[in-house]
Amino acid sequence: MTDGYDDLFLALDKSGNKSGIGKVGGKQVIVIAILDEKGIDNPWLFNWIQTYEKVFVHELTHYFDDLRRKGKPSRKEDYNRIMTDEGYPEYYNLPNEVNAYFQEAASELISYFRNKTIRKKLLTNFRMFSKQFWKLAQHDFVKHLNPKNRRHVEKRIYTLYEKLVEKENKGDS
């Protein structure tokens, strides 16, 4: 193990329990729930790699948010209070969830940029770029996002768009 990089571990859980991030033995662990061969028919897992990548980006975003928070109260109190069917709209509007779901969709959108034709098309028009972002964003996140957070996310999408256009114009793609 390299010095300075031993504070985060990845675990794959075949039990099918929920993915998440937590502490085990004082170390941060991202757990990604995976299905064994018997669980392949699960319809939301039509593309395993893409699904696991999204979960990883989401949980890694939580890890970095935790580092930035530096000792501020844990978000677990919020989760325990609202993790009911009625609480899901509130869950999707927690600042750290808004950030994680944003990063998840942005990461997938940027992965399309390997194809130069698609990259050029998406960077030609902000509306098209934004529309594609919202298509890629997790369905329940889009459904439950309140108007204030929707405007906030739209501003972040625009900032991302501007940075990618600037990078494209410099030839750094």
Foldseek 3Di string as FASTA:
>chain_A
DDPPPPQEEEAEAQVQDPWAWDDDPNGIYTYHYDHDPVPVPPVVCPDVVLVSVLSVQLRVLVVVVVVVVVPDDDCVVVCVVQVDPVRLLVVLADVSNLVSLLRSLVVVLVVVVVDVVVLVVLLVDLVSVVVSSVVSGDPSSSVSHDPVSVVVSSVVSVVVSVVSNVCVVVVND
